[in-house]
Amino acid sequence: RDLRERAPSFRLEEAAGRLAELLLVAGRLTEGDASREWRGVARR
């Protein structure tokens, strides 16, 4: 969204890292790794 809106806060390196995180976590979960590291913790 920031890239589409040409927001000054957009950083390509940060965006690439976010995309890599999405693919990495989704890939590990798809392979069946159910550890808390990949599930994450939202409730403190």
PDB file of all heavy atoms in Angstrom:
ATOM      1  N   ARG A   1       0.829  -1.210   0.000  1.00  0.00           N
ATOM      2  CA  ARG A   1       0.000   0.000   0.000  1.00  0.00           C
ATOM      3  C   ARG A   1       0.861   1.257   0.000  1.00  0.00           C
ATOM      4  O   ARG A   1       0.594   2.215  -0.746  1.00  0.00           O
ATOM      5  CB  ARG A   1      -0.912  -0.002   1.224  1.00  0.00           C
ATOM      6  CG  ARG A   1      -1.840   1.201   1.330  1.00  0.00           C
ATOM      7  CD  ARG A   1      -2.434   1.275   2.720  1.00  0.00           C
ATOM      8  NE  ARG A   1      -1.383   1.426   3.726  1.00  0.00           N
ATOM      9  CZ  ARG A   1      -1.565   1.208   5.023  1.00  0.00           C
ATOM     10  NH1 ARG A   1      -2.741   0.806   5.476  1.00  0.00           N
ATOM     11  NH2 ARG A   1      -0.565   1.373   5.874  1.00  0.00           N
ATOM     12  N   ASP A   2       1.920   1.268   0.820  1.00  0.00           N
ATOM     13  CA  ASP A   2       2.800   2.437   0.854  1.00  0.00           C
ATOM     14  C   ASP A   2       3.479   2.665  -0.489  1.00  0.00           C
ATOM     15  O   ASP A   2       3.674   3.810  -0.918  1.00  0.00           O
ATOM     16  CB  ASP A   2       3.859   2.257   1.948  1.00  0.00           C
ATOM     17  CG  ASP A   2       3.268   2.346   3.343  1.00  0.00           C
ATOM     18  OD1 ASP A   2       2.115   2.792   3.484  1.00  0.00           O
ATOM     19  OD2 ASP A   2       3.962   1.958   4.309  1.00  0.00           O
ATOM     20  N   LEU A   3       3.841   1.572  -1.171  1.00  0.00           N
ATOM     21  CA  LEU A   3       4.465   1.710  -2.483  1.00  0.00           C
ATOM     22  C   LEU A   3       3.468   2.266  -3.498  1.00  0.00           C
ATOM     23  O   LEU A   3       3.810   3.147  -4.301  1.00  0.00           O
ATOM     24  CB  LEU A   3       4.998   0.352  -2.943  1.00  0.00           C
ATOM     25  CG  LEU A   3       5.647   0.312  -4.330  1.00  0.00           C
ATOM     26  CD1 LEU A   3       6.816   1.288  -4.408  1.00  0.00           C
ATOM     27  CD2 LEU A   3       6.105  -1.099  -4.668  1.00  0.00           C
ATOM     28  N   ARG A   4       2.238   1.786  -3.459  1.00  0.00           N
ATOM     29  CA  ARG A   4       1.219   2.283  -4.388  1.00  0.00           C
ATOM     30  C   ARG A   4       0.942   3.767  -4.158  1.00  0.00           C
ATOM     31  O   ARG A   4       0.720   4.521  -5.103  1.00  0.00           O
ATOM     32  CB  ARG A   4      -0.081   1.489  -4.225  1.00  0.00           C
ATOM     33  CG  ARG A   4       0.000   0.058  -4.682  1.00  0.00           C
ATOM     34  CD  ARG A   4      -1.336  -0.646  -4.514  1.00  0.00           C
ATOM     35  NE  ARG A   4      -2.351  -0.112  -5.405  1.00  0.00           N
ATOM     36  CZ  ARG A   4      -3.585  -0.569  -5.485  1.00  0.00           C
ATOM     37  NH1 ARG A   4      -3.963  -1.579  -4.710  1.00  0.00           N
ATOM     38  NH2 ARG A   4      -4.447  -0.038  -6.317  1.00  0.00           N
ATOM     39  N   GLU A   5       0.961   4.172  -2.889  1.00  0.00           N
ATOM     40  CA  GLU A   5       0.675   5.567  -2.555  1.00  0.00           C
ATOM     41  C   GLU A   5       1.927   6.439  -2.573  1.00  0.00           C
ATOM     42  O   GLU A   5       1.846   7.630  -2.278  1.00  0.00           O
ATOM     43  CB  GLU A   5       0.035   5.621  -1.165  1.00  0.00           C
ATOM     44  CG  GLU A   5      -1.306   4.906  -1.093  1.00  0.00           C
ATOM     45  CD  GLU A   5      -1.881   4.883   0.311  1.00  0.00           C
ATOM     46  OE1 GLU A   5      -1.168   5.343   1.247  1.00  0.00           O
ATOM     47  OE2 GLU A   5      -3.024   4.429   0.475  1.00  0.00           O
ATOM     48  N   ARG A   6       3.065   5.849  -2.914  1.00  0.00           N
ATOM     49  CA  ARG A   6       4.341   6.558  -2.945  1.00  0.00           C
ATOM     50  C   ARG A   6       4.611   7.269  -1.618  1.00  0.00           C
ATOM     51  O   ARG A   6       5.057   8.428  -1.575  1.00  0.00           O
ATOM     52  CB  ARG A   6       4.384   7.557  -4.099  1.00  0.00           C
ATOM     53  CG  ARG A   6       4.241   6.890  -5.462  1.00  0.00           C
ATOM     54  CD  ARG A   6       4.374   7.884  -6.595  1.00  0.00           C
ATOM     55  NE  ARG A   6       4.275   7.222  -7.901  1.00  0.00           N
ATOM     56  CZ  ARG A   6       4.372   7.834  -9.067  1.00  0.00           C
ATOM     57  NH1 ARG A   6       4.574   9.162  -9.084  1.00  0.00           N
ATOM     58  NH2 ARG A   6       4.267   7.173 -10.190  1.00  0.00           N
ATOM     59  N   ALA A   7       4.350   6.557  -0.545  1.00  0.00           N
ATOM     60  CA  ALA A   7       4.558   7.109   0.797  1.00  0.00           C
ATOM     61  C   ALA A   7       6.057   7.248   1.059  1.00  0.00           C
ATOM     62  O   ALA A   7       6.842   6.356   0.702  1.00  0.00           O
ATOM     63  CB  ALA A   7       3.924   6.207   1.851  1.00  0.00           C
ATOM     64  N   PRO A   8       6.490   8.340   1.674  1.00  0.00           N
ATOM     65  CA  PRO A   8       7.924   8.521   1.947  1.00  0.00           C
ATOM     66  C   PRO A   8       8.477   7.495   2.927  1.00  0.00           C
ATOM     67  O   PRO A   8       9.686   7.304   2.998  1.00  0.00           O
ATOM     68  CB  PRO A   8       7.990   9.941   2.529  1.00  0.00           C
ATOM     69  CG  PRO A   8       6.610  10.226   3.020  1.00  0.00           C
ATOM     70  CD  PRO A   8       5.688   9.499   2.104  1.00  0.00           C
ATOM     71  N   SER A   9       7.602   6.814   3.672  1.00  0.00           N
ATOM     72  CA  SER A   9       8.057   5.814   4.635  1.00  0.00           C
ATOM     73  C   SER A   9       8.416   4.486   3.985  1.00  0.00           C
ATOM     74  O   SER A   9       8.965   3.600   4.651  1.00  0.00           O
ATOM     75  CB  SER A   9       6.974   5.579   5.691  1.00  0.00           C
ATOM     76  OG  SER A   9       5.765   5.127   5.085  1.00  0.00           O
ATOM     77  N   PHE A  10       8.129   4.322   2.678  1.00  0.00           N
ATOM     78  CA  PHE A  10       8.412   3.045   2.020  1.00  0.00           C
ATOM     79  C   PHE A  10       9.912   2.832   1.889  1.00  0.00           C
ATOM     80  O   PHE A  10      10.652   3.710   1.444  1.00  0.00           O
ATOM     81  CB  PHE A  10       7.769   2.997   0.636  1.00  0.00           C
ATOM     82  CG  PHE A  10       8.103   1.746  -0.128  1.00  0.00           C
ATOM     83  CD1 PHE A  10       7.430   0.566   0.129  1.00  0.00           C
ATOM     84  CD2 PHE A  10       9.104   1.744  -1.090  1.00  0.00           C
ATOM     85  CE1 PHE A  10       7.733  -0.601  -0.567  1.00  0.00           C
ATOM     86  CE2 PHE A  10       9.415   0.583  -1.790  1.00  0.00           C
ATOM     87  CZ  PHE A  10       8.724  -0.587  -1.523  1.00  0.00           C
ATOM     88  N   ARG A  11      10.368   1.644   2.279  1.00  0.00           N
ATOM     89  CA  ARG A  11      11.765   1.239   2.120  1.00  0.00           C
ATOM     90  C   ARG A  11      11.788  -0.130   1.444  1.00  0.00           C
ATOM     91  O   ARG A  11      11.218  -1.087   1.968  1.00  0.00           O
ATOM     92  CB  ARG A  11      12.477   1.155   3.477  1.00  0.00           C
ATOM     93  CG  ARG A  11      12.552   2.476   4.232  1.00  0.00           C
ATOM     94  CD  ARG A  11      13.483   3.460   3.548  1.00  0.00           C
ATOM     95  NE  ARG A  11      13.631   4.689   4.313  1.00  0.00           N
ATOM     96  CZ  ARG A  11      12.829   5.738   4.199  1.00  0.00           C
ATOM     97  NH1 ARG A  11      11.810   5.706   3.339  1.00  0.00           N
ATOM     98  NH2 ARG A  11      13.022   6.819   4.930  1.00  0.00           N
ATOM     99  N   LEU A  12      12.448  -0.216   0.292  1.00  0.00           N
ATOM    100  CA  LEU A  12      12.425  -1.447  -0.481  1.00  0.00           C
ATOM    101  C   LEU A  12      13.046  -2.602   0.303  1.00  0.00           C
ATOM    102  O   LEU A  12      12.519  -3.724   0.296  1.00  0.00           O
ATOM    103  CB  LEU A  12      13.151  -1.250  -1.812  1.00  0.00           C
ATOM    104  CG  LEU A  12      13.243  -2.483  -2.707  1.00  0.00           C
ATOM    105  CD1 LEU A  12      11.859  -3.053  -2.998  1.00  0.00           C
ATOM    106  CD2 LEU A  12      13.979  -2.147  -4.003  1.00  0.00           C
ATOM    107  N   GLU A  13      14.151  -2.342   0.983  1.00  0.00           N
ATOM    108  CA  GLU A  13      14.800  -3.421   1.725  1.00  0.00           C
ATOM    109  C   GLU A  13      13.891  -3.943   2.837  1.00  0.00           C
ATOM    110  O   GLU A  13      13.808  -5.157   3.069  1.00  0.00           O
ATOM    111  CB  GLU A  13      16.125  -2.919   2.302  1.00  0.00           C
ATOM    112  CG  GLU A  13      16.993  -4.018   2.863  1.00  0.00           C
ATOM    113  CD  GLU A  13      18.424  -3.565   3.084  1.00  0.00           C
ATOM    114  OE1 GLU A  13      18.945  -2.822   2.223  1.00  0.00           O
ATOM    115  OE2 GLU A  13      19.006  -3.944   4.114  1.00  0.00           O
ATOM    116  N   GLU A  14      13.201  -3.041   3.507  1.00  0.00           N
ATOM    117  CA  GLU A  14      12.269  -3.461   4.559  1.00  0.00           C
ATOM    118  C   GLU A  14      11.099  -4.232   3.956  1.00  0.00           C
ATOM    119  O   GLU A  14      10.657  -5.250   4.517  1.00  0.00           O
ATOM    120  CB  GLU A  14      11.759  -2.239   5.315  1.00  0.00           C
ATOM    121  CG  GLU A  14      10.771  -2.567   6.422  1.00  0.00           C
ATOM    122  CD  GLU A  14      10.229  -1.330   7.112  1.00  0.00           C
ATOM    123  OE1 GLU A  14      10.576  -0.201   6.683  1.00  0.00           O
ATOM    124  OE2 GLU A  14       9.461  -1.475   8.071  1.00  0.00           O
ATOM    125  N   ALA A  15      10.586  -3.772   2.823  1.00  0.00           N
ATOM    126  CA  ALA A  15       9.472  -4.455   2.183  1.00  0.00           C
ATOM    127  C   ALA A  15       9.874  -5.860   1.739  1.00  0.00           C
ATOM    128  O   ALA A  15       9.090  -6.817   1.880  1.00  0.00           O
ATOM    129  CB  ALA A  15       8.982  -3.645   0.985  1.00  0.00           C
ATOM    130  N   ALA A  16      11.080  -6.006   1.199  1.00  0.00           N
ATOM    131  CA  ALA A  16      11.549  -7.324   0.796  1.00  0.00           C
ATOM    132  C   ALA A  16      11.674  -8.246   1.997  1.00  0.00           C
ATOM    133  O   ALA A  16      11.348  -9.439   1.927  1.00  0.00           O
ATOM    134  CB  ALA A  16      12.889  -7.196   0.073  1.00  0.00           C
ATOM    135  N   GLY A  17      12.138  -7.693   3.120  1.00  0.00           N
ATOM    136  CA  GLY A  17      12.235  -8.498   4.331  1.00  0.00           C
ATOM    137  C   GLY A  17      10.868  -8.963   4.819  1.00  0.00           C
ATOM    138  O   GLY A  17      10.720 -10.096   5.301  1.00  0.00           O
ATOM    139  N   ARG A  18       9.867  -8.101   4.690  1.00  0.00           N
ATOM    140  CA  ARG A  18       8.513  -8.490   5.089  1.00  0.00           C
ATOM    141  C   ARG A  18       7.971  -9.609   4.196  1.00  0.00           C
ATOM    142  O   ARG A  18       7.334 -10.551   4.678  1.00  0.00           O
ATOM    143  CB  ARG A  18       7.583  -7.282   5.021  1.00  0.00           C
ATOM    144  CG  ARG A  18       7.883  -6.206   6.053  1.00  0.00           C
ATOM    145  CD  ARG A  18       6.956  -5.012   5.877  1.00  0.00           C
ATOM    146  NE  ARG A  18       7.160  -4.008   6.913  1.00  0.00           N
ATOM    147  CZ  ARG A  18       6.417  -2.922   7.056  1.00  0.00           C
ATOM    148  NH1 ARG A  18       5.409  -2.708   6.214  1.00  0.00           N
ATOM    149  NH2 ARG A  18       6.661  -2.062   8.022  1.00  0.00           N
ATOM    150  N   LEU A  19       8.226  -9.504   2.896  1.00  0.00           N
ATOM    151  CA  LEU A  19       7.775 -10.540   1.975  1.00  0.00           C
ATOM    152  C   LEU A  19       8.484 -11.858   2.252  1.00  0.00           C
ATOM    153  O   LEU A  19       7.864 -12.942   2.208  1.00  0.00           O
ATOM    154  CB  LEU A  19       8.014 -10.080   0.539  1.00  0.00           C
ATOM    155  CG  LEU A  19       7.419 -10.934  -0.584  1.00  0.00           C
ATOM    156  CD1 LEU A  19       5.932 -11.166  -0.367  1.00  0.00           C
ATOM    157  CD2 LEU A  19       7.673 -10.269  -1.933  1.00  0.00           C
ATOM    158  N   ALA A  20       9.770 -11.792   2.571  1.00  0.00           N
ATOM    159  CA  ALA A  20      10.510 -13.004   2.918  1.00  0.00           C
ATOM    160  C   ALA A  20       9.959 -13.637   4.193  1.00  0.00           C
ATOM    161  O   ALA A  20       9.864 -14.867   4.302  1.00  0.00           O
ATOM    162  CB  ALA A  20      11.999 -12.682   3.076  1.00  0.00           C
ATOM    163  N   GLU A  21       9.602 -12.817   5.176  1.00  0.00           N
ATOM    164  CA  GLU A  21       9.014 -13.331   6.413  1.00  0.00           C
ATOM    165  C   GLU A  21       7.696 -14.053   6.124  1.00  0.00           C
ATOM    166  O   GLU A  21       7.432 -15.133   6.665  1.00  0.00           O
ATOM    167  CB  GLU A  21       8.783 -12.175   7.382  1.00  0.00           C
ATOM    168  CG  GLU A  21       7.921 -12.485   8.586  1.00  0.00           C
ATOM    169  CD  GLU A  21       8.622 -13.258   9.676  1.00  0.00           C
ATOM    170  OE1 GLU A  21       9.796 -13.628   9.494  1.00  0.00           O
ATOM    171  OE2 GLU A  21       7.990 -13.500  10.720  1.00  0.00           O
ATOM    172  N   LEU A  22       6.866 -13.469   5.284  1.00  0.00           N
ATOM    173  CA  LEU A  22       5.602 -14.106   4.932  1.00  0.00           C
ATOM    174  C   LEU A  22       5.830 -15.471   4.297  1.00  0.00           C
ATOM    175  O   LEU A  22       5.207 -16.484   4.696  1.00  0.00           O
ATOM    176  CB  LEU A  22       4.820 -13.201   3.977  1.00  0.00           C
ATOM    177  CG  LEU A  22       3.541 -13.798   3.370  1.00  0.00           C
ATOM    178  CD1 LEU A  22       2.504 -14.059   4.439  1.00  0.00           C
ATOM    179  CD2 LEU A  22       2.975 -12.884   2.294  1.00  0.00           C
ATOM    180  N   LEU A  23       6.728 -15.546   3.325  1.00  0.00           N
ATOM    181  CA  LEU A  23       6.980 -16.807   2.633  1.00  0.00           C
ATOM    182  C   LEU A  23       7.631 -17.830   3.543  1.00  0.00           C
ATOM    183  O   LEU A  23       7.299 -19.026   3.505  1.00  0.00           O
ATOM    184  CB  LEU A  23       7.852 -16.547   1.404  1.00  0.00           C
ATOM    185  CG  LEU A  23       7.211 -15.714   0.290  1.00  0.00           C
ATOM    186  CD1 LEU A  23       8.250 -15.356  -0.768  1.00  0.00           C
ATOM    187  CD2 LEU A  23       6.034 -16.457  -0.339  1.00  0.00           C
ATOM    188  N   LEU A  24       8.554 -17.383   4.387  1.00  0.00           N
ATOM    189  CA  LEU A  24       9.258 -18.305   5.277  1.00  0.00           C
ATOM    190  C   LEU A  24       8.301 -18.924   6.291  1.00  0.00           C
ATOM    191  O   LEU A  24       8.273 -20.151   6.474  1.00  0.00           O
ATOM    192  CB  LEU A  24      10.391 -17.571   5.992  1.00  0.00           C
ATOM    193  CG  LEU A  24      11.194 -18.379   7.014  1.00  0.00           C
ATOM    194  CD1 LEU A  24      11.902 -19.545   6.329  1.00  0.00           C
ATOM    195  CD2 LEU A  24      12.207 -17.495   7.721  1.00  0.00           C
ATOM    196  N   VAL A  25       7.521 -18.076   6.969  1.00  0.00           N
ATOM    197  CA  VAL A  25       6.606 -18.581   8.001  1.00  0.00           C
ATOM    198  C   VAL A  25       5.526 -19.449   7.377  1.00  0.00           C
ATOM    199  O   VAL A  25       5.212 -20.532   7.886  1.00  0.00           O
ATOM    200  CB  VAL A  25       5.985 -17.407   8.782  1.00  0.00           C
ATOM    201  CG1 VAL A  25       4.981 -17.927   9.803  1.00  0.00           C
ATOM    202  CG2 VAL A  25       7.072 -16.611   9.478  1.00  0.00           C
ATOM    203  N   ALA A  26       4.949 -18.989   6.269  1.00  0.00           N
ATOM    204  CA  ALA A  26       3.911 -19.778   5.607  1.00  0.00           C
ATOM    205  C   ALA A  26       4.461 -21.121   5.148  1.00  0.00           C
ATOM    206  O   ALA A  26       3.786 -22.161   5.268  1.00  0.00           O
ATOM    207  CB  ALA A  26       3.337 -19.002   4.427  1.00  0.00           C
ATOM    208  N   GLY A  27       5.690 -21.124   4.635  1.00  0.00           N
ATOM    209  CA  GLY A  27       6.290 -22.373   4.181  1.00  0.00           C
ATOM    210  C   GLY A  27       6.504 -23.361   5.316  1.00  0.00           C
ATOM    211  O   GLY A  27       6.214 -24.560   5.176  1.00  0.00           O
ATOM    212  N   ARG A  28       7.016 -22.863   6.456  1.00  0.00           N
ATOM    213  CA  ARG A  28       7.252 -23.765   7.584  1.00  0.00           C
ATOM    214  C   ARG A  28       5.941 -24.312   8.145  1.00  0.00           C
ATOM    215  O   ARG A  28       5.845 -25.484   8.516  1.00  0.00           O
ATOM    216  CB  ARG A  28       8.030 -23.031   8.675  1.00  0.00           C
ATOM    217  CG  ARG A  28       9.446 -22.647   8.282  1.00  0.00           C
ATOM    218  CD  ARG A  28      10.263 -23.877   7.890  1.00  0.00           C
ATOM    219  NE  ARG A  28      10.454 -24.797   8.996  1.00  0.00           N
ATOM    220  CZ  ARG A  28      11.518 -24.798   9.796  1.00  0.00           C
ATOM    221  NH1 ARG A  28      12.488 -23.923   9.601  1.00  0.00           N
ATOM    222  NH2 ARG A  28      11.626 -25.678  10.760  1.00  0.00           N
ATOM    223  N   LEU A  29       4.921 -23.471   8.218  1.00  0.00           N
ATOM    224  CA  LEU A  29       3.628 -23.939   8.722  1.00  0.00           C
ATOM    225  C   LEU A  29       2.988 -24.929   7.747  1.00  0.00           C
ATOM    226  O   LEU A  29       2.386 -25.921   8.164  1.00  0.00           O
ATOM    227  CB  LEU A  29       2.697 -22.754   8.949  1.00  0.00           C
ATOM    228  CG  LEU A  29       3.067 -21.830  10.106  1.00  0.00           C
ATOM    229  CD1 LEU A  29       2.202 -20.577  10.087  1.00  0.00           C
ATOM    230  CD2 LEU A  29       2.931 -22.544  11.450  1.00  0.00           C
ATOM    231  N   THR A  30       3.122 -24.683   6.461  1.00  0.00           N
ATOM    232  CA  THR A  30       2.560 -25.587   5.462  1.00  0.00           C
ATOM    233  C   THR A  30       3.220 -26.963   5.546  1.00  0.00           C
ATOM    234  O   THR A  30       2.578 -27.987   5.316  1.00  0.00           O
ATOM    235  CB  THR A  30       2.733 -25.002   4.056  1.00  0.00           C
ATOM    236  OG1 THR A  30       2.109 -23.718   3.996  1.00  0.00           O
ATOM    237  CG2 THR A  30       2.105 -25.909   3.006  1.00  0.00           C
ATOM    238  N   GLU A  31       4.511 -26.962   5.913  1.00  0.00           N
ATOM    239  CA  GLU A  31       5.222 -28.235   6.071  1.00  0.00           C
ATOM    240  C   GLU A  31       4.847 -28.961   7.353  1.00  0.00           C
ATOM    241  O   GLU A  31       5.296 -30.089   7.580  1.00  0.00           O
ATOM    242  CB  GLU A  31       6.730 -27.979   6.041  1.00  0.00           C
ATOM    243  CG  GLU A  31       7.231 -27.491   4.685  1.00  0.00           C
ATOM    244  CD  GLU A  31       8.664 -26.986   4.752  1.00  0.00           C
ATOM    245  OE1 GLU A  31       9.249 -27.041   5.867  1.00  0.00           O
ATOM    246  OE2 GLU A  31       9.180 -26.539   3.721  1.00  0.00           O
ATOM    247  N   GLY A  32       4.048 -28.314   8.203  1.00  0.00           N
ATOM    248  CA  GLY A  32       3.574 -28.979   9.413  1.00  0.00           C
ATOM    249  C   GLY A  32       4.311 -28.631  10.673  1.00  0.00           C
ATOM    250  O   GLY A  32       4.062 -29.253  11.720  1.00  0.00           O
ATOM    251  N   ASP A  33       5.227 -27.649  10.641  1.00  0.00           N
ATOM    252  CA  ASP A  33       5.948 -27.252  11.848  1.00  0.00           C
ATOM    253  C   ASP A  33       5.010 -26.430  12.728  1.00  0.00           C
ATOM    254  O   ASP A  33       4.716 -25.276  12.428  1.00  0.00           O
ATOM    255  CB  ASP A  33       7.184 -26.426  11.478  1.00  0.00           C
ATOM    256  CG  ASP A  33       8.111 -26.210  12.666  1.00  0.00           C
ATOM    257  OD1 ASP A  33       7.618 -26.254  13.814  1.00  0.00           O
ATOM    258  OD2 ASP A  33       9.314 -25.994  12.464  1.00  0.00           O
ATOM    259  N   ALA A  34       4.541 -27.028  13.824  1.00  0.00           N
ATOM    260  CA  ALA A  34       3.548 -26.381  14.683  1.00  0.00           C
ATOM    261  C   ALA A  34       4.167 -25.774  15.932  1.00  0.00           C
ATOM    262  O   ALA A  34       3.443 -25.466  16.878  1.00  0.00           O
ATOM    263  CB  ALA A  34       2.475 -27.393  15.081  1.00  0.00           C
ATOM    264  N   SER A  35       5.482 -25.564  15.959  1.00  0.00           N
ATOM    265  CA  SER A  35       6.129 -25.014  17.144  1.00  0.00           C
ATOM    266  C   SER A  35       5.702 -23.571  17.356  1.00  0.00           C
ATOM    267  O   SER A  35       5.263 -22.884  16.427  1.00  0.00           O
ATOM    268  CB  SER A  35       7.653 -25.094  17.004  1.00  0.00           C
ATOM    269  OG  SER A  35       8.093 -24.302  15.920  1.00  0.00           O
ATOM    270  N   ARG A  36       5.832 -23.122  18.594  1.00  0.00           N
ATOM    271  CA  ARG A  36       5.407 -21.766  18.928  1.00  0.00           C
ATOM    272  C   ARG A  36       6.221 -20.731  18.160  1.00  0.00           C
ATOM    273  O   ARG A  36       5.736 -19.625  17.894  1.00  0.00           O
ATOM    274  CB  ARG A  36       5.556 -21.531  20.435  1.00  0.00           C
ATOM    275  CG  ARG A  36       4.909 -20.229  20.904  1.00  0.00           C
ATOM    276  CD  ARG A  36       4.950 -20.080  22.399  1.00  0.00           C
ATOM    277  NE  ARG A  36       6.295 -19.866  22.883  1.00  0.00           N
ATOM    278  CZ  ARG A  36       6.582 -19.535  24.148  1.00  0.00           C
ATOM    279  NH1 ARG A  36       5.616 -19.429  25.027  1.00  0.00           N
ATOM    280  NH2 ARG A  36       7.836 -19.351  24.527  1.00  0.00           N
ATOM    281  N   GLU A  37       7.463 -21.069  17.796  1.00  0.00           N
ATOM    282  CA  GLU A  37       8.294 -20.125  17.039  1.00  0.00           C
ATOM    283  C   GLU A  37       7.603 -19.692  15.759  1.00  0.00           C
ATOM    284  O   GLU A  37       7.664 -18.513  15.375  1.00  0.00           O
ATOM    285  CB  GLU A  37       9.634 -20.771  16.709  1.00  0.00           C
ATOM    286  CG  GLU A  37      10.534 -19.901  15.844  1.00  0.00           C
ATOM    287  CD  GLU A  37      11.803 -20.601  15.417  1.00  0.00           C
ATOM    288  OE1 GLU A  37      11.980 -21.791  15.776  1.00  0.00           O
ATOM    289  OE2 GLU A  37      12.615 -19.965  14.727  1.00  0.00           O
ATOM    290  N   TRP A  38       6.919 -20.632  15.076  1.00  0.00           N
ATOM    291  CA  TRP A  38       6.296 -20.310  13.799  1.00  0.00           C
ATOM    292  C   TRP A  38       4.834 -19.930  13.947  1.00  0.00           C
ATOM    293  O   TRP A  38       4.317 -19.145  13.152  1.00  0.00           O
ATOM    294  CB  TRP A  38       6.446 -21.493  12.830  1.00  0.00           C
ATOM    295  CG  TRP A  38       7.872 -21.826  12.612  1.00  0.00           C
ATOM    296  CD1 TRP A  38       8.560 -22.906  13.080  1.00  0.00           C
ATOM    297  CD2 TRP A  38       8.842 -21.026  11.909  1.00  0.00           C
ATOM    298  NE1 TRP A  38       9.885 -22.847  12.712  1.00  0.00           N
ATOM    299  CE2 TRP A  38      10.081 -21.715  11.989  1.00  0.00           C
ATOM    300  CE3 TRP A  38       8.777 -19.828  11.223  1.00  0.00           C
ATOM    301  CZ2 TRP A  38      11.244 -21.217  11.404  1.00  0.00           C
ATOM    302  CZ3 TRP A  38       9.934 -19.326  10.639  1.00  0.00           C
ATOM    303  CH2 TRP A  38      11.141 -20.021  10.733  1.00  0.00           C
ATOM    304  N   ARG A  39       4.167 -20.469  14.949  1.00  0.00           N
ATOM    305  CA  ARG A  39       2.799 -20.028  15.213  1.00  0.00           C
ATOM    306  C   ARG A  39       2.781 -18.568  15.669  1.00  0.00           C
ATOM    307  O   ARG A  39       1.939 -17.781  15.249  1.00  0.00           O
ATOM    308  CB  ARG A  39       2.164 -20.882  16.322  1.00  0.00           C
ATOM    309  CG  ARG A  39       1.739 -22.281  15.932  1.00  0.00           C
ATOM    310  CD  ARG A  39       1.185 -22.979  17.156  1.00  0.00           C
ATOM    311  NE  ARG A  39       0.787 -24.336  16.930  1.00  0.00           N
ATOM    312  CZ  ARG A  39      -0.457 -24.721  16.627  1.00  0.00           C
ATOM    313  NH1 ARG A  39      -1.398 -23.804  16.505  1.00  0.00           N
ATOM    314  NH2 ARG A  39      -0.754 -25.984  16.449  1.00  0.00           N
ATOM    315  N   GLY A  40       3.711 -18.230  16.586  1.00  0.00           N
ATOM    316  CA  GLY A  40       3.721 -16.906  17.179  1.00  0.00           C
ATOM    317  C   GLY A  40       2.865 -16.867  18.430  1.00  0.00           C
ATOM    318  O   GLY A  40       2.121 -17.803  18.740  1.00  0.00           O
ATOM    319  N   VAL A  41       2.981 -15.780  19.162  1.00  0.00           N
ATOM    320  CA  VAL A  41       2.215 -15.580  20.388  1.00  0.00           C
ATOM    321  C   VAL A  41       1.640 -14.174  20.353  1.00  0.00           C
ATOM    322  O   VAL A  41       2.379 -13.192  20.264  1.00  0.00           O
ATOM    323  CB  VAL A  41       3.100 -15.742  21.647  1.00  0.00           C
ATOM    324  CG1 VAL A  41       2.308 -15.432  22.898  1.00  0.00           C
ATOM    325  CG2 VAL A  41       3.656 -17.164  21.717  1.00  0.00           C
ATOM    326  N   ALA A  42       0.333 -14.063  20.402  1.00  0.00           N
ATOM    327  CA  ALA A  42      -0.303 -12.747  20.360  1.00  0.00           C
ATOM    328  C   ALA A  42      -0.841 -12.332  21.712  1.00  0.00           C
ATOM    329  O   ALA A  42      -0.996 -11.153  21.977  1.00  0.00           O
ATOM    330  CB  ALA A  42      -1.440 -12.736  19.340  1.00  0.00           C
ATOM    331  N   ARG A  43      -1.166 -13.278  22.562  1.00  0.00           N
ATOM    332  CA  ARG A  43      -1.697 -12.931  23.874  1.00  0.00           C
ATOM    333  C   ARG A  43      -0.587 -13.008  24.904  1.00  0.00           C
ATOM    334  O   ARG A  43       0.063 -14.031  25.067  1.00  0.00           O
ATOM    335  CB  ARG A  43      -2.839 -13.877  24.267  1.00  0.00           C
ATOM    336  CG  ARG A  43      -3.412 -13.601  25.643  1.00  0.00           C
ATOM    337  CD  ARG A  43      -4.569 -14.514  25.964  1.00  0.00           C
ATOM    338  NE  ARG A  43      -5.703 -14.237  25.098  1.00  0.00           N
ATOM    339  CZ  ARG A  43      -6.806 -14.980  25.085  1.00  0.00           C
ATOM    340  NH1 ARG A  43      -6.903 -16.035  25.863  1.00  0.00           N
ATOM    341  NH2 ARG A  43      -7.806 -14.650  24.280  1.00  0.00           N
ATOM    342  N   ARG A  44      -0.378 -11.911  25.594  1.00  0.00           N
ATOM    343  CA  ARG A  44       0.690 -11.852  26.594  1.00  0.00           C
ATOM    344  C   ARG A  44       0.111 -12.176  27.963  1.00  0.00           C
ATOM    345  O   ARG A  44      -0.852 -11.568  28.398  1.00  0.00           O
ATOM    346  CB  ARG A  44       1.324 -10.453  26.603  1.00  0.00           C
ATOM    347  CG  ARG A  44       2.431 -10.293  27.607  1.00  0.00           C
ATOM    348  CD  ARG A  44       3.077  -8.930  27.499  1.00  0.00           C
ATOM    349  NE  ARG A  44       3.933  -8.838  26.314  1.00  0.00           N
ATOM    350  CZ  ARG A  44       3.616  -8.162  25.242  1.00  0.00           C
ATOM    351  NH1 ARG A  44       2.479  -7.513  25.178  1.00  0.00           N
ATOM    352  NH2 ARG A  44       4.429  -8.112  24.200  1.00  0.00           N
TER     353      ARG A  44
END
